Amino acid sequence: MKNIITIASKEFLDTLRDKRTLIMMVIIPILIFPLIFSLVTKLQNNVIKKEQSSALVTGIINLDQDNGLQQFLQGQSGLTIIPMEDRVQMEELIRQDSLQIGMVIEEGFTENLDSLRSARVNVYYSETKMTIRQRFSGILSGYTSEVLRERIIAQGLEEGFIEPVKTEYINVASDQEVIGKLAGGFLPYLFVIFCFMGAMYPAIDLFTGEKERKTLETLLTTPVSRFDILVGKMAVVISSGLLSAVLAIVGLFVAVRTTGGMPDFFAGMVSGMLSLYFVLVLLVMLLPLTIFFAGIMIPMTIYAKSYKEAQSILSPMTFFVIFPAIIGLMPGIELTTVTALIPIVNISLATKEVLAGTIQTPLLIITIVSLIAYATISVLFCVRWFGKETHILR
């Protein structure tokens, strides 16, 4: 045990001296969330402020001169009305962003309204401007409601005549459940990535790096068992991955405390994730997962002849980490006995359930036990691989 601690201490100090490893393991995890949150919040606030302050420049072709719709639109403070005559020109101006939206009031508009029929308007817009249609539809809805109210009064009817059934939808899910189910797996997915990236660079440096520096052979000649050497180095790799995840959580906490103007929905989700129970459960699952990562990375770094070759081998593995995590984010994918056995997917699904407060203890146990089993298998494979000189001295 003393030899393992000595090797781990020495390797951990060497790891902290490596700038690339330090950046990936410490600096990026602790800074990424404050930077992301501040930039996204600032961008969102700027977009909202710009939309609220700018008027919709609207071209109108009025083929029914005596109607109340154009008068209604001219009285709206959020619209700038430009009378036009040519539809082709109006469409071209919308494509060029000179107009934001265009409308054609068809002939017979007033006559149809007076006859209690549907009057027709054609609205032209660009789907690339996602909020334009929504804003203009809200304004038109105001006019439609006004006409409908006048019709009801003129006919001496109650409002219930046009709405025979009033449907009220009652949400039985709490805000916590909604947040957990819809978005609870996203940030834990990032923690998984940080675990992987935080463990990758130390693994490359401690094994492939030593091969390049010609110090691994010297280390193997010391009166220390290969098992002790492997465990000492692996402890550093695992610690680095977990440290990256922990620092990412710290960065998330700092971002929530320092970023103002964050959307209530997102702030509520993040606050729920920062509870002690959630953090502990997440770390309990990330520990065996990080061991599993280390058990896969180390044989590959032992096999590689150079730092560059090790990077080219391990970098594509990022996609194998991202893909199952994305599956866990898909709607309709739930934590079951089967999905609890799939690594990475089970963490994403379990964290959603924990955050939502709907986790079933047996499924959580299956998830943790399966992760421990995968970690054990990867460690045994790693020990066997490190025991062969043909792999080390390739």
Protein backbone atom coordinates (compact mmCIF):
# COMPACT_ATOMS: atom_id res chain seq x y z
CA MET A 1 0.00 0.00 0.00
CA LYS A 2 2.90 2.32 0.79
CA ASN A 3 4.36 1.79 -2.67
CA ILE A 4 1.00 2.61 -4.29
CA ILE A 5 0.67 5.85 -2.30
CA THR A 6 4.25 6.84 -3.16
CA ILE A 7 3.75 6.21 -6.87
CA ALA A 8 0.37 7.98 -6.90
CA SER A 9 1.77 11.03 -5.08
CA LYS A 10 4.71 11.30 -7.44
CA GLU A 11 2.56 10.89 -10.56
CA PHE A 12 -0.06 13.33 -9.33
CA LEU A 13 2.59 16.03 -8.81
CA ASP A 14 3.98 15.35 -12.29
CA THR A 15 0.47 15.58 -13.71
CA LEU A 16 -0.11 18.97 -12.14
CA ARG A 17 3.08 20.24 -13.76
CA ASP A 18 1.79 19.41 -17.25
CA LYS A 19 0.08 22.50 -18.71
CA ARG A 20 -2.15 20.65 -21.16
CA THR A 21 -3.43 18.32 -18.47
CA LEU A 22 -3.90 21.19 -16.03
CA ILE A 23 -5.97 23.15 -18.55
CA MET A 24 -8.24 20.21 -19.40
CA MET A 25 -8.52 18.95 -15.84
CA VAL A 26 -8.86 22.17 -13.82
CA ILE A 27 -9.18 25.41 -15.75
CA ILE A 28 -11.77 24.46 -18.39
CA PRO A 29 -14.17 22.63 -16.01
CA ILE A 30 -14.23 25.42 -13.45
CA LEU A 31 -14.60 28.23 -16.01
CA ILE A 32 -16.82 26.67 -18.67
CA PHE A 33 -20.17 27.10 -16.89
CA PRO A 34 -19.68 30.72 -15.78
CA LEU A 35 -18.61 31.62 -19.31
CA ILE A 36 -21.47 29.75 -20.97
CA PHE A 37 -24.13 31.09 -18.60
CA SER A 38 -22.93 34.68 -18.79
CA LEU A 39 -22.69 34.65 -22.60
CA VAL A 40 -26.04 32.90 -23.13
CA THR A 41 -27.83 35.14 -20.63
CA LYS A 42 -26.32 38.29 -22.13
CA LEU A 43 -27.21 37.18 -25.66
CA GLN A 44 -30.76 36.27 -24.68
CA ASN A 45 -31.33 39.58 -22.89
CA ASN A 46 -29.96 41.51 -25.86
CA VAL A 47 -32.24 39.65 -28.29
CA ILE A 48 -35.32 40.16 -26.10
CA LYS A 49 -34.50 43.84 -25.58
CA LYS A 50 -33.98 44.36 -29.29
CA GLU A 51 -37.25 42.65 -30.19
CA GLN A 52 -39.22 44.58 -27.61
CA SER A 53 -37.82 47.94 -28.70
CA SER A 54 -38.11 47.42 -32.46
CA ALA A 55 -41.37 47.84 -34.37
CA LEU A 56 -42.53 45.33 -36.96
CA VAL A 57 -42.12 46.97 -40.36
CA THR A 58 -45.24 45.71 -42.13
CA GLY A 59 -46.17 46.11 -45.78
CA ILE A 60 -49.92 46.07 -46.45
CA ILE A 61 -51.68 45.63 -49.79
CA ASN A 62 -55.28 46.66 -49.18
CA LEU A 63 -57.67 45.37 -51.83
CA ASP A 64 -60.69 46.29 -49.70
CA GLN A 65 -60.38 49.99 -49.06
CA ASP A 66 -63.11 50.38 -46.47
CA ASN A 67 -62.23 47.92 -43.69
CA GLY A 68 -61.47 48.10 -40.00
CA LEU A 69 -58.43 45.80 -40.00
CA GLN A 70 -55.98 48.33 -41.43
CA GLN A 71 -57.29 50.98 -39.01
CA PHE A 72 -56.81 48.50 -36.16
CA LEU A 73 -53.24 47.76 -37.23
CA GLN A 74 -52.39 51.44 -37.59
CA GLY A 75 -53.40 51.92 -33.98
CA GLN A 76 -50.89 49.30 -32.73
CA SER A 77 -47.74 50.78 -31.22
CA GLY A 78 -45.53 47.85 -32.24
CA LEU A 79 -46.19 48.18 -35.98
CA THR A 80 -44.91 50.44 -38.72
CA ILE A 81 -47.36 50.29 -41.65
CA ILE A 82 -46.14 50.76 -45.22
CA PRO A 83 -48.89 50.76 -47.90
CA MET A 84 -47.93 48.77 -51.00
CA GLU A 85 -49.45 47.60 -54.30
CA ASP A 86 -47.21 44.85 -55.70
CA ARG A 87 -47.06 41.40 -54.06
CA VAL A 88 -43.85 40.39 -55.85
CA GLN A 89 -42.11 43.53 -54.63
CA MET A 90 -43.37 42.89 -51.09
CA GLU A 91 -42.01 39.32 -51.11
CA GLU A 92 -38.64 40.56 -52.37
CA LEU A 93 -38.44 43.24 -49.67
CA ILE A 94 -39.15 40.57 -47.01
CA ARG A 95 -36.32 38.42 -48.38
CA GLN A 96 -34.01 41.45 -48.23
CA ASP A 97 -35.10 42.21 -44.62
CA SER A 98 -36.38 45.63 -45.68
CA LEU A 99 -39.79 44.42 -44.52
CA GLN A 100 -40.27 42.03 -41.64
CA ILE A 101 -43.77 40.94 -42.61
CA GLY A 102 -46.37 41.63 -45.30
CA MET A 103 -50.14 41.29 -45.49
CA VAL A 104 -52.70 41.32 -48.26
CA ILE A 105 -56.28 42.20 -47.27
CA GLU A 106 -58.30 40.44 -49.95
CA GLU A 107 -61.18 42.04 -51.82
CA GLY A 108 -64.58 41.64 -50.13
CA PHE A 109 -63.04 41.56 -46.65
CA THR A 110 -65.61 43.89 -45.07
CA GLU A 111 -68.53 42.32 -46.95
CA ASN A 112 -67.62 38.86 -45.67
CA LEU A 113 -67.38 40.12 -42.09
CA ASP A 114 -70.73 41.88 -42.33
CA SER A 115 -72.28 38.69 -43.71
CA LEU A 116 -70.90 36.70 -40.76
CA ARG A 117 -68.58 34.82 -43.09
CA SER A 118 -64.79 34.34 -42.81
CA ALA A 119 -62.78 37.19 -44.28
CA ARG A 120 -59.43 36.38 -45.79
CA VAL A 121 -55.98 37.86 -45.38
CA ASN A 122 -52.66 36.50 -46.64
CA VAL A 123 -49.61 37.05 -44.46
CA TYR A 124 -46.11 36.88 -45.96
CA TYR A 125 -43.06 36.30 -43.78
CA SER A 126 -39.72 34.50 -43.66
CA GLU A 127 -39.50 31.36 -41.55
CA THR A 128 -35.86 32.23 -40.85
CA LYS A 129 -37.14 34.96 -38.51
CA MET A 130 -38.69 32.71 -35.89
CA THR A 131 -40.34 35.32 -33.65
CA ILE A 132 -41.89 37.48 -36.40
CA ARG A 133 -44.86 35.22 -37.10
CA GLN A 134 -45.58 34.75 -33.41
CA ARG A 135 -45.58 38.51 -32.73
CA PHE A 136 -47.83 39.34 -35.68
CA SER A 137 -50.21 36.47 -34.94
CA GLY A 138 -50.68 37.86 -31.45
CA ILE A 139 -51.69 41.23 -32.90
CA LEU A 140 -54.12 39.68 -35.41
CA SER A 141 -55.64 37.57 -32.62
CA GLY A 142 -56.58 40.79 -30.88
CA TYR A 143 -58.53 41.97 -33.93
CA THR A 144 -60.18 38.56 -34.39
CA SER A 145 -61.31 38.53 -30.76
CA GLU A 146 -62.75 42.03 -31.14
CA VAL A 147 -64.77 41.06 -34.25
CA LEU A 148 -65.97 37.87 -32.60
CA ARG A 149 -67.15 39.77 -29.51
CA GLU A 150 -69.10 42.19 -31.71
CA ARG A 151 -70.78 39.27 -33.52
CA ILE A 152 -71.81 37.63 -30.27
CA ILE A 153 -73.32 40.87 -28.97
CA ALA A 154 -75.11 41.55 -32.27
CA GLN A 155 -76.73 38.11 -32.25
CA GLY A 156 -77.71 38.34 -28.60
CA LEU A 157 -75.72 35.20 -27.77
CA GLU A 158 -73.60 34.16 -24.84
CA GLU A 159 -69.91 33.46 -25.30
CA GLY A 160 -70.58 29.82 -24.48
CA PHE A 161 -72.45 29.50 -27.80
CA ILE A 162 -69.18 29.36 -29.74
CA GLU A 163 -67.38 27.34 -27.07
CA PRO A 164 -69.77 24.54 -26.03
CA VAL A 165 -67.06 22.68 -24.12
CA LYS A 166 -64.51 24.46 -21.98
CA THR A 167 -61.49 22.26 -21.42
CA GLU A 168 -59.15 22.94 -18.54
CA TYR A 169 -55.91 20.99 -18.48
CA ILE A 170 -54.55 20.34 -14.99
CA ASN A 171 -50.89 19.44 -14.68
CA VAL A 172 -50.40 16.83 -11.96
CA ALA A 173 -46.60 16.90 -12.28
CA SER A 174 -44.68 19.18 -9.96
CA ASP A 175 -42.23 21.76 -11.30
CA GLN A 176 -39.42 19.55 -10.02
CA GLU A 177 -40.67 16.59 -12.10
CA VAL A 178 -41.06 18.70 -15.21
CA ILE A 179 -37.57 20.15 -14.86
CA GLY A 180 -36.03 16.77 -14.13
CA LYS A 181 -37.74 14.92 -16.97
CA LEU A 182 -37.24 17.56 -19.64
CA ALA A 183 -33.76 18.87 -18.91
CA GLY A 184 -32.33 16.99 -15.93
CA GLY A 185 -30.02 14.82 -17.99
CA PHE A 186 -28.29 17.60 -19.91
CA LEU A 187 -25.82 18.94 -17.35
CA PRO A 188 -24.94 15.50 -15.89
CA TYR A 189 -24.14 14.55 -19.48
CA LEU A 190 -21.55 17.35 -19.46
CA PHE A 191 -20.11 16.02 -16.20
CA VAL A 192 -19.60 12.65 -17.90
CA ILE A 193 -17.68 14.39 -20.68
CA PHE A 194 -15.52 16.20 -18.14
CA CYS A 195 -14.79 12.89 -16.39
CA PHE A 196 -13.67 11.39 -19.67
CA MET A 197 -11.59 14.37 -20.80
CA GLY A 198 -10.12 14.89 -17.33
CA ALA A 199 -8.92 11.29 -17.23
CA MET A 200 -7.72 11.08 -20.84
CA TYR A 201 -4.74 13.44 -20.76
CA PRO A 202 -3.23 12.09 -17.50
CA ALA A 203 -3.63 8.55 -18.87
CA ILE A 204 -1.72 9.50 -22.00
CA ASP A 205 1.01 11.29 -20.09
CA LEU A 206 1.50 8.63 -17.38
CA PHE A 207 1.85 5.73 -19.79
CA THR A 208 2.55 6.80 -23.38
CA GLY A 209 4.44 9.86 -22.12
CA GLU A 210 6.70 7.70 -19.99
CA LYS A 211 7.35 5.42 -22.95
CA GLU A 212 8.42 8.44 -25.01
CA ARG A 213 10.64 9.71 -22.19
CA LYS A 214 12.17 6.20 -21.81
CA THR A 215 11.35 6.18 -18.09
CA LEU A 216 8.73 3.43 -18.03
CA GLU A 217 11.31 0.67 -18.46
CA THR A 218 13.35 2.16 -15.60
CA LEU A 219 10.28 2.21 -13.39
CA LEU A 220 9.59 -1.45 -14.14
CA THR A 221 13.09 -2.43 -12.93
CA THR A 222 12.45 -1.02 -9.45
CA PRO A 223 11.60 -3.46 -6.61
CA VAL A 224 7.89 -2.64 -6.90
CA SER A 225 5.28 -4.98 -8.33
CA ARG A 226 3.64 -4.11 -11.61
CA PHE A 227 0.30 -4.23 -9.85
CA ASP A 228 1.40 -1.50 -7.44
CA ILE A 229 2.70 0.62 -10.33
CA LEU A 230 -0.53 0.19 -12.28
CA VAL A 231 -2.78 0.92 -9.30
CA GLY A 232 -0.75 4.01 -8.35
CA LYS A 233 -0.93 5.43 -11.86
CA MET A 234 -4.57 4.45 -12.31
CA ALA A 235 -5.45 6.21 -9.04
CA VAL A 236 -4.10 9.45 -10.53
CA VAL A 237 -6.09 8.97 -13.74
CA ILE A 238 -9.29 8.30 -11.79
CA SER A 239 -8.68 11.20 -9.42
CA SER A 240 -8.10 13.53 -12.35
CA GLY A 241 -11.40 12.55 -13.98
CA LEU A 242 -13.35 12.97 -10.74
CA LEU A 243 -11.58 16.25 -9.99
CA SER A 244 -12.70 17.60 -13.36
CA ALA A 245 -16.32 16.64 -12.58
CA VAL A 246 -16.16 18.17 -9.09
CA LEU A 247 -14.65 21.39 -10.43
CA ALA A 248 -17.38 21.49 -13.08
CA ILE A 249 -19.96 21.31 -10.27
CA VAL A 250 -18.12 24.12 -8.47
CA GLY A 251 -18.11 26.14 -11.69
CA LEU A 252 -21.85 25.51 -12.02
CA PHE A 253 -22.41 26.75 -8.47
CA VAL A 254 -20.36 29.88 -9.15
CA ALA A 255 -22.25 30.51 -12.39
CA VAL A 256 -25.65 30.31 -10.65
CA ARG A 257 -24.51 32.66 -7.88
CA THR A 258 -22.88 35.25 -10.10
CA THR A 259 -24.96 35.27 -13.31
CA GLY A 260 -27.93 37.60 -13.25
CA GLY A 261 -30.93 37.49 -15.58
CA MET A 262 -30.89 33.71 -15.93
CA PRO A 263 -34.25 32.25 -17.13
CA ASP A 264 -36.37 31.03 -14.19
CA PHE A 265 -36.81 27.57 -15.71
CA PHE A 266 -33.09 27.01 -16.15
CA ALA A 267 -32.20 28.55 -12.80
CA GLY A 268 -34.70 26.21 -11.10
CA MET A 269 -33.18 23.18 -12.80
CA VAL A 270 -29.64 24.14 -11.81
CA SER A 271 -30.64 24.93 -8.22
CA GLY A 272 -32.17 21.46 -7.94
CA MET A 273 -28.95 19.93 -9.20
CA LEU A 274 -26.89 21.68 -6.56
CA SER A 275 -28.61 19.90 -3.68
CA LEU A 276 -26.30 17.76 -1.53
CA TYR A 277 -28.30 14.59 -2.22
CA PHE A 278 -28.13 15.00 -5.99
CA VAL A 279 -24.39 15.79 -5.99
CA LEU A 280 -23.61 12.75 -3.81
CA VAL A 281 -25.68 10.40 -5.97
CA LEU A 282 -24.03 11.80 -9.10
CA LEU A 283 -20.52 11.31 -7.68
CA VAL A 284 -21.37 7.75 -6.54
CA MET A 285 -22.25 6.94 -10.15
CA LEU A 286 -19.37 8.87 -11.69
CA LEU A 287 -16.72 7.11 -9.57
CA PRO A 288 -17.17 3.62 -11.10
CA LEU A 289 -17.74 5.19 -14.51
CA THR A 290 -14.40 7.01 -14.25
CA ILE A 291 -12.73 3.74 -13.21
CA PHE A 292 -14.33 2.13 -16.26
CA PHE A 293 -12.94 4.92 -18.46
CA ALA A 294 -9.48 4.50 -16.93
CA GLY A 295 -9.58 0.74 -17.44
CA ILE A 296 -10.24 1.30 -21.15
CA MET A 297 -7.86 4.21 -21.69
CA ILE A 298 -4.79 2.75 -19.99
CA PRO A 299 -4.41 -0.34 -22.23
CA MET A 300 -4.75 1.93 -25.28
CA THR A 301 -2.13 4.36 -23.98
CA ILE A 302 0.17 1.42 -23.19
CA TYR A 303 -0.33 0.15 -26.75
CA ALA A 304 0.41 3.55 -28.36
CA LYS A 305 4.02 4.32 -29.29
CA SER A 306 3.77 8.11 -29.05
CA TYR A 307 1.72 10.88 -27.44
CA LYS A 308 0.27 11.79 -30.85
CA GLU A 309 -0.74 8.20 -31.57
CA ALA A 310 -2.41 7.90 -28.16
CA GLN A 311 -4.41 11.08 -28.83
CA SER A 312 -5.50 9.80 -32.24
CA ILE A 313 -6.68 6.55 -30.62
CA LEU A 314 -8.51 8.06 -27.64
CA SER A 315 -10.04 11.16 -29.24
CA PRO A 316 -12.57 9.19 -31.36
CA MET A 317 -13.72 7.51 -28.14
CA THR A 318 -15.36 10.81 -27.23
CA PHE A 319 -18.12 9.97 -29.72
CA PHE A 320 -18.75 6.67 -27.93
CA VAL A 321 -19.25 8.71 -24.76
CA ILE A 322 -21.45 11.37 -26.37
CA PHE A 323 -23.75 8.99 -28.26
CA PRO A 324 -25.16 6.99 -25.31
CA ALA A 325 -25.47 10.20 -23.29
CA ILE A 326 -27.56 11.74 -26.08
CA ILE A 327 -29.76 8.64 -26.13
CA GLY A 328 -30.45 9.24 -22.45
CA LEU A 329 -31.63 12.77 -23.29
CA MET A 330 -34.21 11.63 -25.83
CA PRO A 331 -37.87 11.91 -24.80
CA GLY A 332 -39.58 8.59 -24.19
CA ILE A 333 -36.39 6.83 -23.07
CA GLU A 334 -36.98 5.88 -19.43
CA LEU A 335 -34.90 4.21 -16.73
CA THR A 336 -35.83 0.54 -16.75
CA THR A 337 -34.12 -2.69 -15.78
CA VAL A 338 -32.63 -2.86 -19.29
CA THR A 339 -31.49 0.77 -19.64
CA ALA A 340 -30.07 0.67 -16.10
CA LEU A 341 -27.52 -1.85 -17.41
CA ILE A 342 -26.26 0.36 -20.25
CA PRO A 343 -23.25 2.45 -19.16
CA ILE A 344 -23.51 6.24 -19.55
CA VAL A 345 -27.15 5.92 -20.66
CA ASN A 346 -28.04 4.73 -17.16
CA ILE A 347 -26.32 7.73 -15.54
CA SER A 348 -28.16 10.20 -17.78
CA LEU A 349 -31.52 8.55 -17.09
CA ALA A 350 -30.90 8.04 -13.38
CA THR A 351 -29.91 11.67 -12.84
CA LYS A 352 -33.11 12.79 -14.55
CA GLU A 353 -35.15 10.61 -12.22
CA VAL A 354 -33.25 11.77 -9.13
CA LEU A 355 -33.70 15.41 -10.05
CA ALA A 356 -37.39 14.83 -10.75
CA GLY A 357 -37.79 13.05 -7.41
CA THR A 358 -39.22 9.94 -9.10
CA ILE A 359 -36.22 7.59 -8.85
CA GLN A 360 -37.01 4.01 -7.88
CA THR A 361 -34.46 2.69 -5.41
CA PRO A 362 -34.13 -0.78 -7.05
CA LEU A 363 -33.33 0.83 -10.42
CA LEU A 364 -30.80 3.17 -8.82
CA ILE A 365 -29.14 0.17 -7.15
CA ILE A 366 -29.06 -1.73 -10.46
CA THR A 367 -27.47 1.31 -12.12
CA ILE A 368 -24.73 1.64 -9.50
CA VAL A 369 -24.05 -2.12 -9.32
CA SER A 370 -23.81 -2.40 -13.11
CA LEU A 371 -21.34 0.51 -13.21
CA ILE A 372 -19.25 -1.17 -10.49
CA ALA A 373 -19.33 -4.41 -12.50
CA TYR A 374 -18.13 -2.66 -15.66
CA ALA A 375 -15.42 -0.90 -13.67
CA THR A 376 -14.24 -4.22 -12.19
CA ILE A 377 -14.10 -5.88 -15.61
CA SER A 378 -12.13 -3.00 -17.10
CA VAL A 379 -9.64 -3.02 -14.20
CA LEU A 380 -9.07 -6.79 -14.54
CA PHE A 381 -8.51 -6.36 -18.25
CA CYS A 382 -6.12 -3.49 -17.58
CA VAL A 383 -4.12 -5.56 -15.04
CA ARG A 384 -3.81 -8.42 -17.50
CA TRP A 385 -2.76 -6.09 -20.32
CA PHE A 386 -0.14 -4.31 -18.20
CA GLY A 387 1.28 -7.66 -17.15
CA LYS A 388 2.55 -8.45 -20.65
CA GLU A 389 5.90 -6.95 -21.65
CA THR A 390 5.03 -7.28 -25.35
CA HIS A 391 2.38 -4.61 -24.83
CA ILE A 392 4.53 -2.31 -22.71
CA LEU A 393 7.68 -2.54 -24.83
CA ARG A 394 5.91 -2.46 -28.19
